[in-house]
Amino acid sequence: MSTNPTRKDLIKAIMTNPSLNDDEKSLLVEEFINEINKEYPDLKYHATKQDITETELKLTKEIEKVRLEIKELDNKASKEREKIRLDLTKEIKELDNKASGEREKIRLEIKELDNKASGEREKIRLEIKELDLKLSNKISDTKADLIKWVIGLFTLQTGLLVGAIFTMFKLFSKA
């Protein structure tokens, strides 16, 4: 605890001093206040407890007002988000429906192309079978010709061999 008297204590001592009359008391208090004002010239600009309390109340009201505004803005934002979500959902469904239609068109086009390709593949298969048949016939003809040539050559060779053997017998029998 401080042993220095407070301002209140000094003013109380002046006011309760029985040896001073009222004019002297007033003069001393006035001098004391003047000294304080000289020592603290901008004292009137310092906040009092009442000023702080009033400011706290004003700030509390202002904070509550801001909270309400934030709540209103949050509600508006929630409604706006919901509206945007619904709009986006609707747009997505529309785009999905359009895409489904496009996919169906593409499927039909692919089916048509596949049918055309199937027809082309069938034509190619028939052409290949036809070429295979022609090739088989050519190979058969070539085999027949080859067999004829082989038989002819065999016959010729056999004839030549028999002639050579016959000639050799004639030559050896004369000798």
Protein backbone atom coordinates (compact mmCIF):
# COMPACT_ATOMS: atom_id res chain seq x y z
CA MET A 1 0.00 0.00 0.00
CA SER A 2 1.09 3.49 -0.84
CA THR A 3 1.71 5.94 2.00
CA ASN A 4 1.19 8.94 -0.30
CA PRO A 5 -2.22 10.51 0.11
CA THR A 6 -4.52 10.47 -2.92
CA ARG A 7 -6.17 13.55 -4.34
CA LYS A 8 -9.42 12.49 -2.78
CA ASP A 9 -7.71 12.21 0.61
CA LEU A 10 -6.25 15.71 0.26
CA ILE A 11 -9.59 17.25 -0.73
CA LYS A 12 -11.31 15.39 2.13
CA ALA A 13 -8.64 16.68 4.60
CA ILE A 14 -9.19 20.23 3.41
CA MET A 15 -12.97 19.98 3.62
CA THR A 16 -13.02 18.37 7.09
CA ASN A 17 -10.39 20.67 8.62
CA PRO A 18 -12.25 22.58 11.43
CA SER A 19 -9.65 25.36 11.59
CA LEU A 20 -10.48 26.56 8.05
CA ASN A 21 -13.55 28.56 7.15
CA ASP A 22 -15.54 27.90 3.98
CA ASP A 23 -13.78 30.58 1.92
CA GLU A 24 -10.37 29.21 2.84
CA LYS A 25 -11.50 25.68 2.07
CA SER A 26 -12.83 26.78 -1.34
CA LEU A 27 -9.62 28.66 -2.06
CA LEU A 28 -7.43 25.66 -1.15
CA VAL A 29 -9.54 23.24 -3.22
CA GLU A 30 -9.46 25.67 -6.15
CA GLU A 31 -5.67 26.00 -5.90
CA PHE A 32 -5.36 22.24 -5.67
CA ILE A 33 -7.48 21.80 -8.80
CA ASN A 34 -5.47 24.46 -10.63
CA GLU A 35 -2.23 22.68 -9.72
CA ILE A 36 -3.64 19.43 -11.04
CA ASN A 37 -4.73 21.18 -14.24
CA LYS A 38 -1.22 22.64 -14.65
CA GLU A 39 0.37 19.26 -14.03
CA TYR A 40 -2.10 17.52 -16.37
CA PRO A 41 -3.25 20.15 -18.90
CA ASP A 42 -5.10 17.69 -21.18
CA LEU A 43 -6.85 15.89 -18.32
CA LYS A 44 -10.22 16.76 -19.81
CA TYR A 45 -9.29 14.51 -22.77
CA HIS A 46 -8.75 11.45 -20.58
CA ALA A 47 -11.52 8.88 -20.41
CA THR A 48 -13.41 8.36 -17.23
CA LYS A 49 -14.90 5.13 -16.02
CA GLN A 50 -18.30 6.38 -17.13
CA ASP A 51 -16.89 7.21 -20.60
CA ILE A 52 -15.44 3.72 -20.87
CA THR A 53 -18.71 2.13 -19.74
CA GLU A 54 -20.68 4.18 -22.28
CA THR A 55 -18.18 3.25 -24.99
CA GLU A 56 -18.42 -0.41 -24.04
CA LEU A 57 -22.22 -0.25 -24.29
CA LYS A 58 -22.03 1.49 -27.67
CA LEU A 59 -19.50 -1.07 -28.91
CA THR A 60 -21.62 -3.94 -27.60
CA LYS A 61 -24.66 -2.54 -29.48
CA GLU A 62 -22.55 -2.04 -32.61
CA ILE A 63 -21.14 -5.58 -32.34
CA GLU A 64 -24.65 -6.99 -32.01
CA LYS A 65 -25.75 -4.93 -35.00
CA VAL A 66 -22.80 -6.26 -37.04
CA ARG A 67 -23.60 -9.82 -35.93
CA LEU A 68 -27.18 -9.40 -37.17
CA GLU A 69 -25.91 -8.01 -40.47
CA ILE A 70 -23.50 -10.94 -40.81
CA LYS A 71 -26.34 -13.36 -40.05
CA GLU A 72 -28.54 -11.67 -42.67
CA LEU A 73 -25.71 -11.78 -45.20
CA ASP A 74 -25.06 -15.42 -44.38
CA ASN A 75 -28.75 -16.21 -44.90
CA LYS A 76 -28.73 -14.33 -48.21
CA ALA A 77 -25.55 -16.14 -49.25
CA SER A 78 -27.09 -19.51 -48.31
CA LYS A 79 -30.18 -18.74 -50.38
CA GLU A 80 -28.00 -17.58 -53.29
CA ARG A 81 -25.84 -20.71 -53.06
CA GLU A 82 -28.96 -22.89 -53.07
CA LYS A 83 -30.33 -21.01 -56.09
CA ILE A 84 -27.01 -21.40 -57.92
CA ARG A 85 -26.88 -25.10 -57.00
CA LEU A 86 -30.40 -25.63 -58.35
CA ASP A 87 -29.58 -23.67 -61.53
CA LEU A 88 -26.40 -25.68 -62.04
CA THR A 89 -28.23 -28.94 -61.42
CA LYS A 90 -30.82 -27.94 -64.01
CA GLU A 91 -28.14 -26.95 -66.53
CA ILE A 92 -26.23 -30.19 -65.91
CA LYS A 93 -29.40 -32.22 -66.51
CA GLU A 94 -30.07 -30.29 -69.74
CA LEU A 95 -26.51 -30.82 -70.91
CA ASP A 96 -26.71 -34.50 -69.97
CA ASN A 97 -29.94 -34.85 -71.98
CA LYS A 98 -28.30 -33.14 -74.97
CA ALA A 99 -25.26 -35.36 -74.60
CA SER A 100 -27.50 -38.44 -74.41
CA GLY A 101 -29.15 -37.41 -77.68
CA GLU A 102 -25.76 -36.86 -79.28
CA ARG A 103 -24.52 -40.21 -78.00
CA GLU A 104 -27.60 -41.90 -79.49
CA LYS A 105 -26.96 -40.20 -82.85
CA ILE A 106 -23.35 -41.35 -82.77
CA ARG A 107 -24.45 -44.91 -81.90
CA LEU A 108 -26.81 -44.93 -84.88
CA GLU A 109 -24.07 -43.59 -87.16
CA ILE A 110 -21.67 -46.25 -85.90
CA LYS A 111 -24.33 -48.91 -86.45
CA GLU A 112 -24.89 -47.67 -90.03
CA LEU A 113 -21.16 -47.64 -90.68
CA ASP A 114 -20.86 -51.11 -89.16
CA ASN A 115 -23.69 -52.38 -91.41
CA LYS A 116 -21.99 -50.85 -94.45
CA ALA A 117 -18.69 -52.35 -93.36
CA SER A 118 -20.38 -55.73 -92.86
CA GLY A 119 -21.64 -55.58 -96.43
CA GLU A 120 -18.18 -54.61 -97.65
CA ARG A 121 -16.62 -57.39 -95.58
CA GLU A 122 -19.08 -59.88 -97.11
CA LYS A 123 -18.18 -58.67 -100.61
CA ILE A 124 -14.49 -59.05 -99.81
CA ARG A 125 -15.10 -62.57 -98.40
CA LEU A 126 -16.93 -63.57 -101.61
CA GLU A 127 -14.12 -62.11 -103.73
CA ILE A 128 -11.56 -64.00 -101.65
CA LYS A 129 -13.56 -67.25 -102.04
CA GLU A 130 -13.79 -66.63 -105.77
CA LEU A 131 -10.06 -65.95 -106.01
CA ASP A 132 -9.38 -69.01 -103.86
CA LEU A 133 -11.51 -71.15 -106.17
CA LYS A 134 -9.74 -69.74 -109.26
CA LEU A 135 -6.37 -70.32 -107.60
CA SER A 136 -7.38 -73.88 -106.65
CA ASN A 137 -8.47 -74.51 -110.23
CA LYS A 138 -5.19 -73.11 -111.59
CA ILE A 139 -3.22 -75.22 -109.12
CA SER A 140 -5.26 -78.32 -110.17
CA ASP A 141 -4.68 -77.49 -113.84
CA THR A 142 -0.98 -76.97 -113.14
CA LYS A 143 -0.81 -80.29 -111.27
CA ALA A 144 -2.50 -82.07 -114.17
CA ASP A 145 -0.11 -80.45 -116.65
CA LEU A 146 2.81 -81.33 -114.41
CA ILE A 147 1.67 -84.93 -114.12
CA LYS A 148 1.31 -85.10 -117.92
CA TRP A 149 4.81 -83.74 -118.34
CA VAL A 150 6.21 -86.07 -115.68
CA ILE A 151 4.54 -89.08 -117.35
CA GLY A 152 5.72 -87.90 -120.75
CA LEU A 153 9.26 -87.36 -119.50
CA PHE A 154 9.16 -90.65 -117.64
CA THR A 155 7.98 -92.42 -120.75
CA LEU A 156 10.62 -90.67 -122.82
CA GLN A 157 13.34 -91.44 -120.32
CA THR A 158 12.21 -95.01 -120.06
CA GLY A 159 12.20 -95.26 -123.85
CA LEU A 160 15.68 -93.78 -124.00
CA LEU A 161 16.91 -96.13 -121.30
CA VAL A 162 15.39 -99.15 -123.02
CA GLY A 163 16.89 -97.96 -126.32
CA ALA A 164 20.29 -97.49 -124.65
CA ILE A 165 20.10 -100.94 -123.04
CA PHE A 166 18.98 -102.48 -126.33
CA THR A 167 21.83 -100.77 -128.13
CA MET A 168 24.27 -101.98 -125.52
CA PHE A 169 23.01 -105.55 -125.92
CA LYS A 170 23.46 -105.30 -129.63
CA LEU A 171 26.93 -103.99 -129.26
CA PHE A 172 27.88 -106.58 -126.67
CA SER A 173 26.27 -109.37 -128.60
CA LYS A 174 28.32 -108.58 -131.71
CA ALA A 175 31.41 -108.52 -129.83
